[in-house]
Amino acid sequence: MPLKRPSNIILSAIFLSFLLLIDQWIQADLLFLRDNIQQGEWWRVWTGNLVHTNYYHLGMNLAGFWIFIFIFKDLINSTQFLVSLLLLITGVGFGLYYLSPQLMWYAGISGALYGLYIVGSAYALLDKDFITGLTIMVVIPSKIIWDHIYKTGQTNADLIGVPVSTDAHIYGISTAFLIAAMVLLQYFYNLKTQES
């Protein structure tokens, strides 16, 4: 019996996992460094999301990333996944640059990762999986707001070796709610067009 070919989103996730691992070897060239960005190294706005402070940090984010993949692999195709991820990384990077001027450097994909869960929950709602969709739409923002207000996350900070940037998480879910709104509007527009 032949093996079942992995879906495109699984292949995209494998590629991204390897990319994040390889990026650790050139971390210094990719970190979000405000001074370097101001000197013209604009790629760091995006690539700062693709490197991590250490392998514990990378491992925690990859674990969350693969949990996302297994929850939503049947609801999101690889194009939706990659476009959403690019938009989320852009939202986090530019959010940090323009809205958090006190932040001098950043590393990690957690802001975009939290955002992916919000985008995934929009697709779950469209699939009429209201339990998953609504639970994630409530739990993820609640956790991030709690962390931001009460400065929780010391255990994670100890593991990754730096304070957790809750600003990145806020920019990630804010961008994600915009993407989710566009997904839902597109769905209802297509539905209305088909009925006409």
N, C-alpha and C. Protein backbone atom coordinates (compact mmCIF):
# COMPACT_ATOMS: atom_id res chain seq x y z
N MET A 1 0.86 -1.19 0.00
CA MET A 1 0.00 0.00 0.00
C MET A 1 0.90 1.24 0.00
N PRO A 2 0.71 2.16 -0.96
CA PRO A 2 1.58 3.34 -1.03
C PRO A 2 1.30 4.30 0.13
N LEU A 3 2.37 5.01 0.53
CA LEU A 3 2.21 6.00 1.59
C LEU A 3 1.41 7.19 1.08
N LYS A 4 0.59 7.75 1.94
CA LYS A 4 -0.18 8.94 1.59
C LYS A 4 0.75 10.14 1.51
N ARG A 5 0.64 10.91 0.44
CA ARG A 5 1.48 12.09 0.26
C ARG A 5 1.04 13.18 1.24
N PRO A 6 1.99 13.83 1.94
CA PRO A 6 1.60 14.89 2.88
C PRO A 6 0.92 16.04 2.15
N SER A 7 0.00 16.70 2.83
CA SER A 7 -0.67 17.85 2.22
C SER A 7 0.33 18.99 2.06
N ASN A 8 0.00 19.93 1.20
CA ASN A 8 0.89 21.07 0.94
C ASN A 8 1.18 21.87 2.19
N ILE A 9 0.21 22.01 3.09
CA ILE A 9 0.48 22.80 4.30
C ILE A 9 1.50 22.07 5.19
N ILE A 10 1.47 20.75 5.19
CA ILE A 10 2.48 20.00 5.96
C ILE A 10 3.85 20.23 5.34
N LEU A 11 3.93 20.18 4.02
CA LEU A 11 5.21 20.42 3.34
C LEU A 11 5.70 21.84 3.61
N SER A 12 4.79 22.81 3.59
CA SER A 12 5.16 24.20 3.90
C SER A 12 5.66 24.31 5.34
N ALA A 13 5.02 23.59 6.25
CA ALA A 13 5.41 23.63 7.66
C ALA A 13 6.78 22.99 7.87
N ILE A 14 7.05 21.90 7.15
CA ILE A 14 8.37 21.26 7.24
C ILE A 14 9.44 22.22 6.73
N PHE A 15 9.18 22.86 5.58
CA PHE A 15 10.13 23.82 5.02
C PHE A 15 10.39 24.97 6.01
N LEU A 16 9.31 25.52 6.58
CA LEU A 16 9.46 26.64 7.52
C LEU A 16 10.24 26.20 8.76
N SER A 17 10.00 25.00 9.24
CA SER A 17 10.72 24.50 10.42
C SER A 17 12.22 24.42 10.15
N PHE A 18 12.57 23.90 8.97
CA PHE A 18 13.99 23.84 8.61
C PHE A 18 14.58 25.25 8.45
N LEU A 19 13.80 26.14 7.86
CA LEU A 19 14.27 27.52 7.69
C LEU A 19 14.56 28.16 9.05
N LEU A 20 13.66 27.98 10.01
CA LEU A 20 13.87 28.55 11.34
C LEU A 20 15.11 27.95 12.01
N LEU A 21 15.32 26.67 11.80
CA LEU A 21 16.51 26.03 12.37
C LEU A 21 17.79 26.56 11.72
N ILE A 22 17.81 26.65 10.42
CA ILE A 22 18.99 27.15 9.70
C ILE A 22 19.26 28.61 10.04
N ASP A 23 18.20 29.40 10.21
CA ASP A 23 18.37 30.83 10.53
C ASP A 23 19.15 31.05 11.81
N GLN A 24 19.10 30.09 12.73
CA GLN A 24 19.84 30.23 13.98
C GLN A 24 21.34 30.37 13.73
N TRP A 25 21.83 29.78 12.64
CA TRP A 25 23.27 29.82 12.34
C TRP A 25 23.71 31.21 11.87
N ILE A 26 22.77 32.00 11.37
CA ILE A 26 23.10 33.36 10.92
C ILE A 26 22.27 34.39 11.68
N GLN A 27 21.98 34.07 12.92
CA GLN A 27 21.10 34.87 13.76
C GLN A 27 21.49 36.35 13.78
N ALA A 28 22.78 36.64 13.94
CA ALA A 28 23.22 38.03 14.09
C ALA A 28 22.88 38.87 12.87
N ASP A 29 22.83 38.25 11.70
CA ASP A 29 22.51 38.99 10.47
C ASP A 29 21.02 39.20 10.27
N LEU A 30 20.20 38.54 11.09
CA LEU A 30 18.75 38.56 10.88
C LEU A 30 17.95 39.19 12.02
N LEU A 31 18.55 39.34 13.20
CA LEU A 31 17.83 39.90 14.35
C LEU A 31 17.19 41.25 14.01
N PHE A 32 16.06 41.50 14.64
CA PHE A 32 15.47 42.85 14.60
C PHE A 32 16.35 43.73 15.49
N LEU A 33 17.13 44.61 14.87
CA LEU A 33 17.98 45.55 15.59
C LEU A 33 17.63 46.95 15.12
N ARG A 34 17.03 47.72 15.99
CA ARG A 34 16.51 49.03 15.61
C ARG A 34 17.58 49.91 14.96
N ASP A 35 18.75 49.97 15.55
CA ASP A 35 19.80 50.84 14.99
C ASP A 35 20.18 50.41 13.58
N ASN A 36 20.27 49.11 13.35
CA ASN A 36 20.61 48.62 12.01
C ASN A 36 19.49 48.89 11.01
N ILE A 37 18.24 48.75 11.45
CA ILE A 37 17.10 49.04 10.56
C ILE A 37 17.14 50.51 10.17
N GLN A 38 17.41 51.39 11.12
CA GLN A 38 17.48 52.82 10.83
C GLN A 38 18.63 53.17 9.89
N GLN A 39 19.62 52.29 9.82
CA GLN A 39 20.73 52.50 8.90
C GLN A 39 20.50 51.83 7.55
N GLY A 40 19.28 51.34 7.32
CA GLY A 40 18.91 50.81 6.01
C GLY A 40 18.77 49.31 5.91
N GLU A 41 18.98 48.56 6.97
CA GLU A 41 18.85 47.11 6.91
C GLU A 41 17.40 46.70 7.19
N TRP A 42 16.50 47.07 6.26
CA TRP A 42 15.06 46.89 6.44
C TRP A 42 14.62 45.44 6.53
N TRP A 43 15.42 44.52 5.96
CA TRP A 43 15.02 43.11 6.02
C TRP A 43 14.85 42.62 7.45
N ARG A 44 15.53 43.27 8.39
CA ARG A 44 15.46 42.84 9.79
C ARG A 44 14.05 43.00 10.38
N VAL A 45 13.24 43.87 9.79
CA VAL A 45 11.84 44.02 10.24
C VAL A 45 11.13 42.67 10.10
N TRP A 46 11.43 41.94 9.02
CA TRP A 46 10.81 40.64 8.79
C TRP A 46 11.62 39.51 9.42
N THR A 47 12.94 39.52 9.19
CA THR A 47 13.75 38.37 9.60
C THR A 47 13.91 38.25 11.11
N GLY A 48 13.68 39.34 11.84
CA GLY A 48 13.72 39.25 13.30
C GLY A 48 12.70 38.25 13.84
N ASN A 49 11.64 38.03 13.06
CA ASN A 49 10.62 37.05 13.44
C ASN A 49 11.09 35.61 13.20
N LEU A 50 12.12 35.45 12.40
CA LEU A 50 12.54 34.12 11.97
C LEU A 50 13.75 33.57 12.72
N VAL A 51 14.26 34.34 13.69
CA VAL A 51 15.36 33.85 14.52
C VAL A 51 14.92 33.89 15.98
N HIS A 52 15.64 33.13 16.81
CA HIS A 52 15.27 32.99 18.21
C HIS A 52 16.50 33.18 19.09
N THR A 53 16.25 33.50 20.35
CA THR A 53 17.37 33.80 21.25
C THR A 53 18.21 32.56 21.54
N ASN A 54 17.58 31.38 21.56
CA ASN A 54 18.30 30.13 21.78
C ASN A 54 17.41 28.97 21.33
N TYR A 55 17.91 27.77 21.50
CA TYR A 55 17.15 26.61 21.00
C TYR A 55 15.94 26.27 21.87
N TYR A 56 15.93 26.67 23.13
CA TYR A 56 14.70 26.51 23.94
C TYR A 56 13.59 27.39 23.36
N HIS A 57 13.96 28.61 23.05
CA HIS A 57 13.02 29.56 22.45
C HIS A 57 12.48 29.02 21.14
N LEU A 58 13.38 28.56 20.27
CA LEU A 58 12.97 27.98 19.00
C LEU A 58 12.09 26.76 19.22
N GLY A 59 12.46 25.89 20.15
CA GLY A 59 11.69 24.68 20.41
C GLY A 59 10.28 24.98 20.89
N MET A 60 10.14 25.96 21.78
CA MET A 60 8.79 26.33 22.27
C MET A 60 7.92 26.84 21.12
N ASN A 61 8.50 27.69 20.26
CA ASN A 61 7.72 28.22 19.15
C ASN A 61 7.40 27.15 18.11
N LEU A 62 8.35 26.25 17.85
CA LEU A 62 8.07 25.17 16.91
C LEU A 62 6.99 24.24 17.44
N ALA A 63 6.98 23.99 18.74
CA ALA A 63 5.92 23.15 19.33
C ALA A 63 4.56 23.80 19.11
N GLY A 64 4.45 25.09 19.41
CA GLY A 64 3.19 25.80 19.18
C GLY A 64 2.81 25.84 17.72
N PHE A 65 3.80 25.96 16.87
CA PHE A 65 3.59 26.00 15.42
C PHE A 65 3.02 24.67 14.92
N TRP A 66 3.60 23.54 15.37
CA TRP A 66 3.12 22.24 14.91
C TRP A 66 1.76 21.88 15.51
N ILE A 67 1.48 22.36 16.70
CA ILE A 67 0.13 22.17 17.24
C ILE A 67 -0.88 22.89 16.35
N PHE A 68 -0.54 24.11 15.94
CA PHE A 68 -1.39 24.86 15.01
C PHE A 68 -1.62 24.04 13.73
N ILE A 69 -0.54 23.52 13.16
CA ILE A 69 -0.64 22.77 11.89
C ILE A 69 -1.59 21.59 12.04
N PHE A 70 -1.47 20.84 13.12
CA PHE A 70 -2.31 19.65 13.27
C PHE A 70 -3.76 19.99 13.59
N ILE A 71 -4.00 21.14 14.21
CA ILE A 71 -5.39 21.55 14.45
C ILE A 71 -6.04 22.02 13.15
N PHE A 72 -5.29 22.78 12.34
CA PHE A 72 -5.91 23.49 11.22
C PHE A 72 -5.53 22.97 9.83
N LYS A 73 -4.76 21.89 9.74
CA LYS A 73 -4.26 21.43 8.44
C LYS A 73 -5.36 21.11 7.43
N ASP A 74 -6.54 20.75 7.89
CA ASP A 74 -7.63 20.43 6.97
C ASP A 74 -8.51 21.64 6.65
N LEU A 75 -8.23 22.78 7.28
CA LEU A 75 -9.05 23.97 7.09
C LEU A 75 -8.35 25.06 6.28
N ILE A 76 -7.02 25.03 6.29
CA ILE A 76 -6.24 26.08 5.64
C ILE A 76 -5.32 25.44 4.61
N ASN A 77 -5.29 26.00 3.40
CA ASN A 77 -4.36 25.47 2.42
C ASN A 77 -3.01 26.19 2.55
N SER A 78 -2.02 25.71 1.83
CA SER A 78 -0.67 26.25 1.99
C SER A 78 -0.59 27.72 1.57
N THR A 79 -1.34 28.13 0.56
CA THR A 79 -1.31 29.53 0.13
C THR A 79 -1.89 30.43 1.22
N GLN A 80 -3.04 30.06 1.76
CA GLN A 80 -3.64 30.84 2.85
C GLN A 80 -2.70 30.91 4.05
N PHE A 81 -2.06 29.80 4.35
CA PHE A 81 -1.12 29.73 5.47
C PHE A 81 0.08 30.66 5.24
N LEU A 82 0.72 30.56 4.08
CA LEU A 82 1.93 31.34 3.81
C LEU A 82 1.63 32.83 3.69
N VAL A 83 0.52 33.17 3.03
CA VAL A 83 0.15 34.60 2.91
C VAL A 83 -0.17 35.16 4.29
N SER A 84 -0.92 34.41 5.09
CA SER A 84 -1.23 34.87 6.45
C SER A 84 0.04 35.06 7.27
N LEU A 85 0.95 34.11 7.18
CA LEU A 85 2.20 34.20 7.94
C LEU A 85 3.01 35.42 7.51
N LEU A 86 3.09 35.66 6.21
CA LEU A 86 3.83 36.83 5.72
C LEU A 86 3.19 38.13 6.22
N LEU A 87 1.87 38.21 6.17
CA LEU A 87 1.18 39.41 6.66
C LEU A 87 1.38 39.58 8.16
N LEU A 88 1.35 38.48 8.89
CA LEU A 88 1.54 38.54 10.34
C LEU A 88 2.95 38.98 10.71
N ILE A 89 3.94 38.42 10.04
CA ILE A 89 5.33 38.82 10.29
C ILE A 89 5.52 40.30 9.98
N THR A 90 4.90 40.75 8.89
CA THR A 90 4.97 42.16 8.52
C THR A 90 4.31 43.03 9.59
N GLY A 91 3.13 42.62 10.05
CA GLY A 91 2.43 43.38 11.09
C GLY A 91 3.21 43.47 12.39
N VAL A 92 3.82 42.35 12.79
CA VAL A 92 4.62 42.33 14.02
C VAL A 92 5.85 43.20 13.85
N GLY A 93 6.58 43.01 12.76
CA GLY A 93 7.82 43.76 12.54
C GLY A 93 7.62 45.26 12.49
N PHE A 94 6.64 45.69 11.69
CA PHE A 94 6.40 47.13 11.58
C PHE A 94 5.72 47.68 12.83
N GLY A 95 4.91 46.86 13.49
CA GLY A 95 4.34 47.28 14.77
C GLY A 95 5.42 47.57 15.78
N LEU A 96 6.39 46.65 15.89
CA LEU A 96 7.50 46.86 16.82
C LEU A 96 8.32 48.10 16.44
N TYR A 97 8.54 48.27 15.15
CA TYR A 97 9.39 49.38 14.70
C TYR A 97 8.72 50.73 14.95
N TYR A 98 7.45 50.84 14.58
CA TYR A 98 6.80 52.15 14.66
C TYR A 98 6.07 52.40 15.98
N LEU A 99 5.56 51.35 16.62
CA LEU A 99 4.73 51.55 17.81
C LEU A 99 5.43 51.23 19.13
N SER A 100 6.59 50.61 19.06
CA SER A 100 7.36 50.29 20.27
C SER A 100 8.78 50.84 20.15
N PRO A 101 8.91 52.17 20.11
CA PRO A 101 10.24 52.75 19.87
C PRO A 101 11.26 52.44 20.96
N GLN A 102 10.79 52.05 22.14
CA GLN A 102 11.70 51.71 23.23
C GLN A 102 12.36 50.34 23.01
N LEU A 103 11.79 49.52 22.15
CA LEU A 103 12.31 48.18 21.91
C LEU A 103 13.46 48.27 20.91
N MET A 104 14.65 47.90 21.34
CA MET A 104 15.84 48.06 20.51
C MET A 104 16.16 46.80 19.69
N TRP A 105 15.74 45.64 20.19
CA TRP A 105 15.97 44.41 19.42
C TRP A 105 14.88 43.40 19.73
N TYR A 106 14.71 42.46 18.82
CA TYR A 106 13.65 41.45 18.97
C TYR A 106 14.03 40.20 18.20
N ALA A 107 13.63 39.07 18.72
CA ALA A 107 13.78 37.79 18.03
C ALA A 107 12.62 36.90 18.41
N GLY A 108 12.07 36.17 17.42
CA GLY A 108 11.03 35.18 17.72
C GLY A 108 9.81 35.31 16.83
N ILE A 109 9.16 34.19 16.63
CA ILE A 109 7.98 34.13 15.76
C ILE A 109 6.68 34.05 16.57
N SER A 110 6.78 34.20 17.89
CA SER A 110 5.59 33.99 18.73
C SER A 110 4.46 34.98 18.43
N GLY A 111 4.78 36.23 18.11
CA GLY A 111 3.72 37.19 17.79
C GLY A 111 2.93 36.73 16.57
N ALA A 112 3.65 36.32 15.52
CA ALA A 112 2.99 35.82 14.31
C ALA A 112 2.29 34.50 14.59
N LEU A 113 2.87 33.68 15.46
CA LEU A 113 2.28 32.38 15.79
C LEU A 113 0.95 32.55 16.50
N TYR A 114 0.88 33.45 17.48
CA TYR A 114 -0.41 33.72 18.12
C TYR A 114 -1.42 34.19 17.07
N GLY A 115 -0.95 35.02 16.16
CA GLY A 115 -1.82 35.50 15.10
C GLY A 115 -2.33 34.38 14.22
N LEU A 116 -1.48 33.41 13.92
CA LEU A 116 -1.92 32.27 13.09
C LEU A 116 -3.10 31.55 13.74
N TYR A 117 -3.08 31.43 15.06
CA TYR A 117 -4.19 30.77 15.75
C TYR A 117 -5.49 31.54 15.55
N ILE A 118 -5.41 32.87 15.58
CA ILE A 118 -6.62 33.68 15.36
C ILE A 118 -7.12 33.49 13.93
N VAL A 119 -6.21 33.51 12.96
CA VAL A 119 -6.60 33.29 11.55
C VAL A 119 -7.21 31.90 11.41
N GLY A 120 -6.57 30.90 12.02
CA GLY A 120 -7.10 29.54 11.97
C GLY A 120 -8.49 29.45 12.56
N SER A 121 -8.72 30.21 13.63
CA SER A 121 -10.05 30.17 14.25
C SER A 121 -11.12 30.73 13.33
N ALA A 122 -10.76 31.70 12.48
CA ALA A 122 -11.72 32.23 11.50
C ALA A 122 -12.11 31.13 10.51
N TYR A 123 -11.11 30.36 10.05
CA TYR A 123 -11.41 29.25 9.14
C TYR A 123 -12.23 28.16 9.84
N ALA A 124 -11.98 27.95 11.13
CA ALA A 124 -12.78 26.98 11.88
C ALA A 124 -14.24 27.44 11.96
N LEU A 125 -14.45 28.72 12.18
CA LEU A 125 -15.83 29.25 12.22
C LEU A 125 -16.52 29.05 10.87
N LEU A 126 -15.80 29.28 9.78
CA LEU A 126 -16.38 29.08 8.45
C LEU A 126 -16.72 27.62 8.21
N ASP A 127 -15.98 26.72 8.86
CA ASP A 127 -16.24 25.29 8.75
C ASP A 127 -17.29 24.82 9.75
N LYS A 128 -17.88 25.78 10.44
CA LYS A 128 -18.93 25.53 11.45
C LYS A 128 -18.40 24.76 12.67
N ASP A 129 -17.10 24.85 12.92
CA ASP A 129 -16.51 24.30 14.14
C ASP A 129 -16.46 25.45 15.15
N PHE A 130 -17.62 25.74 15.72
CA PHE A 130 -17.75 26.91 16.58
C PHE A 130 -17.00 26.75 17.90
N ILE A 131 -16.88 25.54 18.39
CA ILE A 131 -16.17 25.32 19.65
C ILE A 131 -14.70 25.72 19.50
N THR A 132 -14.03 25.17 18.48
CA THR A 132 -12.63 25.51 18.26
C THR A 132 -12.48 27.00 17.94
N GLY A 133 -13.28 27.48 16.98
CA GLY A 133 -13.16 28.87 16.53
C GLY A 133 -13.36 29.88 17.65
N LEU A 134 -14.46 29.74 18.37
CA LEU A 134 -14.77 30.72 19.42
C LEU A 134 -13.83 30.58 20.62
N THR A 135 -13.47 29.33 20.96
CA THR A 135 -12.55 29.14 22.08
C THR A 135 -11.23 29.84 21.82
N ILE A 136 -10.66 29.63 20.65
CA ILE A 136 -9.37 30.25 20.33
C ILE A 136 -9.51 31.77 20.24
N MET A 137 -10.61 32.25 19.65
CA MET A 137 -10.81 33.70 19.51
C MET A 137 -10.92 34.39 20.87
N VAL A 138 -11.31 33.64 21.90
CA VAL A 138 -11.42 34.21 23.25
C VAL A 138 -10.16 33.95 24.07
N VAL A 139 -9.67 32.72 24.05
CA VAL A 139 -8.56 32.33 24.93
C VAL A 139 -7.25 33.02 24.56
N ILE A 140 -6.89 33.03 23.29
CA ILE A 140 -5.59 33.60 22.88
C ILE A 140 -5.51 35.10 23.22
N PRO A 141 -6.48 35.92 22.79
CA PRO A 141 -6.39 37.34 23.17
C PRO A 141 -6.44 37.56 24.68
N SER A 142 -7.24 36.77 25.39
CA SER A 142 -7.32 36.92 26.85
C SER A 142 -5.96 36.65 27.49
N LYS A 143 -5.29 35.59 27.04
CA LYS A 143 -3.96 35.26 27.57
C LYS A 143 -2.97 36.38 27.29
N ILE A 144 -2.99 36.91 26.09
CA ILE A 144 -2.03 37.95 25.70
C ILE A 144 -2.29 39.23 26.48
N ILE A 145 -3.54 39.60 26.63
CA ILE A 145 -3.88 40.80 27.40
C ILE A 145 -3.47 40.61 28.86
N TRP A 146 -3.74 39.43 29.41
CA TRP A 146 -3.33 39.12 30.79
C TRP A 146 -1.82 39.24 30.94
N ASP A 147 -1.07 38.62 30.02
CA ASP A 147 0.40 38.68 30.06
C ASP A 147 0.89 40.12 29.98
N HIS A 148 0.25 40.91 29.12
CA HIS A 148 0.68 42.29 28.91
C HIS A 148 0.41 43.15 30.15
N ILE A 149 -0.76 42.99 30.73
CA ILE A 149 -1.13 43.80 31.90
C ILE A 149 -0.33 43.39 33.13
N TYR A 150 -0.25 42.09 33.38
CA TYR A 150 0.35 41.60 34.63
C TYR A 150 1.80 41.17 34.48
N LYS A 151 2.38 41.37 33.29
CA LYS A 151 3.80 41.07 33.04
C LYS A 151 4.15 39.64 33.48
N THR A 152 3.28 38.70 33.11
CA THR A 152 3.54 37.29 33.42
C THR A 152 4.52 36.73 32.39
N GLY A 153 4.86 35.50 32.54
CA GLY A 153 5.75 34.87 31.57
C GLY A 153 7.19 34.80 32.02
N GLN A 154 7.44 34.90 33.33
CA GLN A 154 8.82 34.86 33.82
C GLN A 154 9.48 33.51 33.53
N THR A 155 8.70 32.42 33.60
CA THR A 155 9.26 31.10 33.30
C THR A 155 9.76 31.06 31.87
N ASN A 156 8.94 31.56 30.94
CA ASN A 156 9.36 31.61 29.54
C ASN A 156 10.57 32.52 29.37
N ALA A 157 10.58 33.65 30.06
CA ALA A 157 11.71 34.57 29.98
C ALA A 157 12.99 33.90 30.47
N ASP A 158 12.88 33.09 31.51
CA ASP A 158 14.05 32.37 32.02
C ASP A 158 14.58 31.38 30.99
N LEU A 159 13.66 30.72 30.28
CA LEU A 159 14.08 29.74 29.27
C LEU A 159 14.72 30.40 28.05
N ILE A 160 14.15 31.52 27.59
CA ILE A 160 14.67 32.13 26.37
C ILE A 160 15.79 33.13 26.64
N GLY A 161 16.00 33.46 27.91
CA GLY A 161 17.14 34.30 28.26
C GLY A 161 16.91 35.78 28.15
N VAL A 162 15.70 36.20 27.81
CA VAL A 162 15.36 37.63 27.70
C VAL A 162 13.90 37.80 28.10
N PRO A 163 13.48 39.03 28.44
CA PRO A 163 12.06 39.25 28.72
C PRO A 163 11.20 38.96 27.49
N VAL A 164 10.00 38.48 27.73
CA VAL A 164 9.06 38.21 26.64
C VAL A 164 8.50 39.53 26.14
N SER A 165 8.47 39.72 24.82
CA SER A 165 7.92 40.95 24.24
C SER A 165 6.43 40.78 24.01
N THR A 166 5.64 41.20 24.99
CA THR A 166 4.19 41.09 24.83
C THR A 166 3.68 42.04 23.75
N ASP A 167 4.43 43.10 23.45
CA ASP A 167 4.04 43.99 22.35
C ASP A 167 3.94 43.22 21.04
N ALA A 168 4.92 42.34 20.79
CA ALA A 168 4.91 41.54 19.55
C ALA A 168 3.65 40.67 19.49
N HIS A 169 3.24 40.13 20.63
CA HIS A 169 2.05 39.29 20.68
C HIS A 169 0.80 40.12 20.37
N ILE A 170 0.76 41.33 20.90
CA ILE A 170 -0.39 42.21 20.63
C ILE A 170 -0.46 42.59 19.16
N TYR A 171 0.69 42.92 18.57
CA TYR A 171 0.70 43.27 17.14
C TYR A 171 0.34 42.06 16.29
N GLY A 172 0.74 40.87 16.74
CA GLY A 172 0.40 39.66 16.00
C GLY A 172 -1.10 39.39 15.98
N ILE A 173 -1.75 39.48 17.15
CA ILE A 173 -3.19 39.21 17.14
C ILE A 173 -3.99 40.36 16.53
N SER A 174 -3.48 41.59 16.63
CA SER A 174 -4.17 42.71 15.99
C SER A 174 -4.16 42.53 14.47
N THR A 175 -3.00 42.18 13.93
CA THR A 175 -2.91 41.90 12.49
C THR A 175 -3.81 40.73 12.13
N ALA A 176 -3.83 39.71 12.99
CA ALA A 176 -4.62 38.51 12.71
C ALA A 176 -6.11 38.82 12.67
N PHE A 177 -6.58 39.69 13.55
CA PHE A 177 -8.01 40.02 13.51
C PHE A 177 -8.37 40.75 12.21
N LEU A 178 -7.44 41.55 11.68
CA LEU A 178 -7.68 42.18 10.38
C LEU A 178 -7.74 41.12 9.27
N ILE A 179 -6.82 40.16 9.31
CA ILE A 179 -6.82 39.09 8.32
C ILE A 179 -8.10 38.27 8.45
N ALA A 180 -8.47 37.92 9.68
CA ALA A 180 -9.68 37.13 9.91
C ALA A 180 -10.92 37.86 9.40
N ALA A 181 -10.96 39.17 9.62
CA ALA A 181 -12.10 39.97 9.11
C ALA A 181 -12.14 39.90 7.58
N MET A 182 -10.97 40.00 6.94
CA MET A 182 -10.94 39.93 5.47
C MET A 182 -11.38 38.55 4.98
N VAL A 183 -10.95 37.49 5.67
CA VAL A 183 -11.35 36.12 5.30
C VAL A 183 -12.87 35.98 5.40
N LEU A 184 -13.43 36.45 6.51
CA LEU A 184 -14.88 36.32 6.70
C LEU A 184 -15.65 37.18 5.70
N LEU A 185 -15.18 38.40 5.45
CA LEU A 185 -15.85 39.27 4.46
C LEU A 185 -15.79 38.66 3.07
N GLN A 186 -14.65 38.11 2.70
CA GLN A 186 -14.51 37.46 1.39
C GLN A 186 -15.46 36.29 1.26
N TYR A 187 -15.58 35.51 2.33
CA TYR A 187 -16.48 34.36 2.32
C TYR A 187 -17.93 34.81 2.09
N PHE A 188 -18.37 35.81 2.85
CA PHE A 188 -19.75 36.27 2.72
C PHE A 188 -20.00 36.99 1.40
N TYR A 189 -18.98 37.66 0.88
CA TYR A 189 -19.10 38.28 -0.45
C TYR A 189 -19.28 37.20 -1.51
N ASN A 190 -18.47 36.14 -1.44
CA ASN A 190 -18.58 35.03 -2.41
C ASN A 190 -19.93 34.35 -2.29
N LEU A 191 -20.42 34.19 -1.07
CA LEU A 191 -21.72 33.56 -0.84
C LEU A 191 -22.83 34.41 -1.47
N LYS A 192 -22.75 35.71 -1.27
CA LYS A 192 -23.77 36.62 -1.81
C LYS A 192 -23.72 36.63 -3.33
N THR A 193 -22.50 36.57 -3.89
CA THR A 193 -22.35 36.57 -5.34
C THR A 193 -22.94 35.31 -5.95
N GLN A 194 -22.74 34.16 -5.28
CA GLN A 194 -23.29 32.90 -5.78
C GLN A 194 -24.81 32.89 -5.74
N GLU A 195 -25.39 33.58 -4.76
CA GLU A 195 -26.85 33.62 -4.64
C GLU A 195 -27.49 34.54 -5.67
N SER A 196 -26.72 35.49 -6.19
CA SER A 196 -27.27 36.47 -7.15
C SER A 196 -27.49 35.84 -8.52
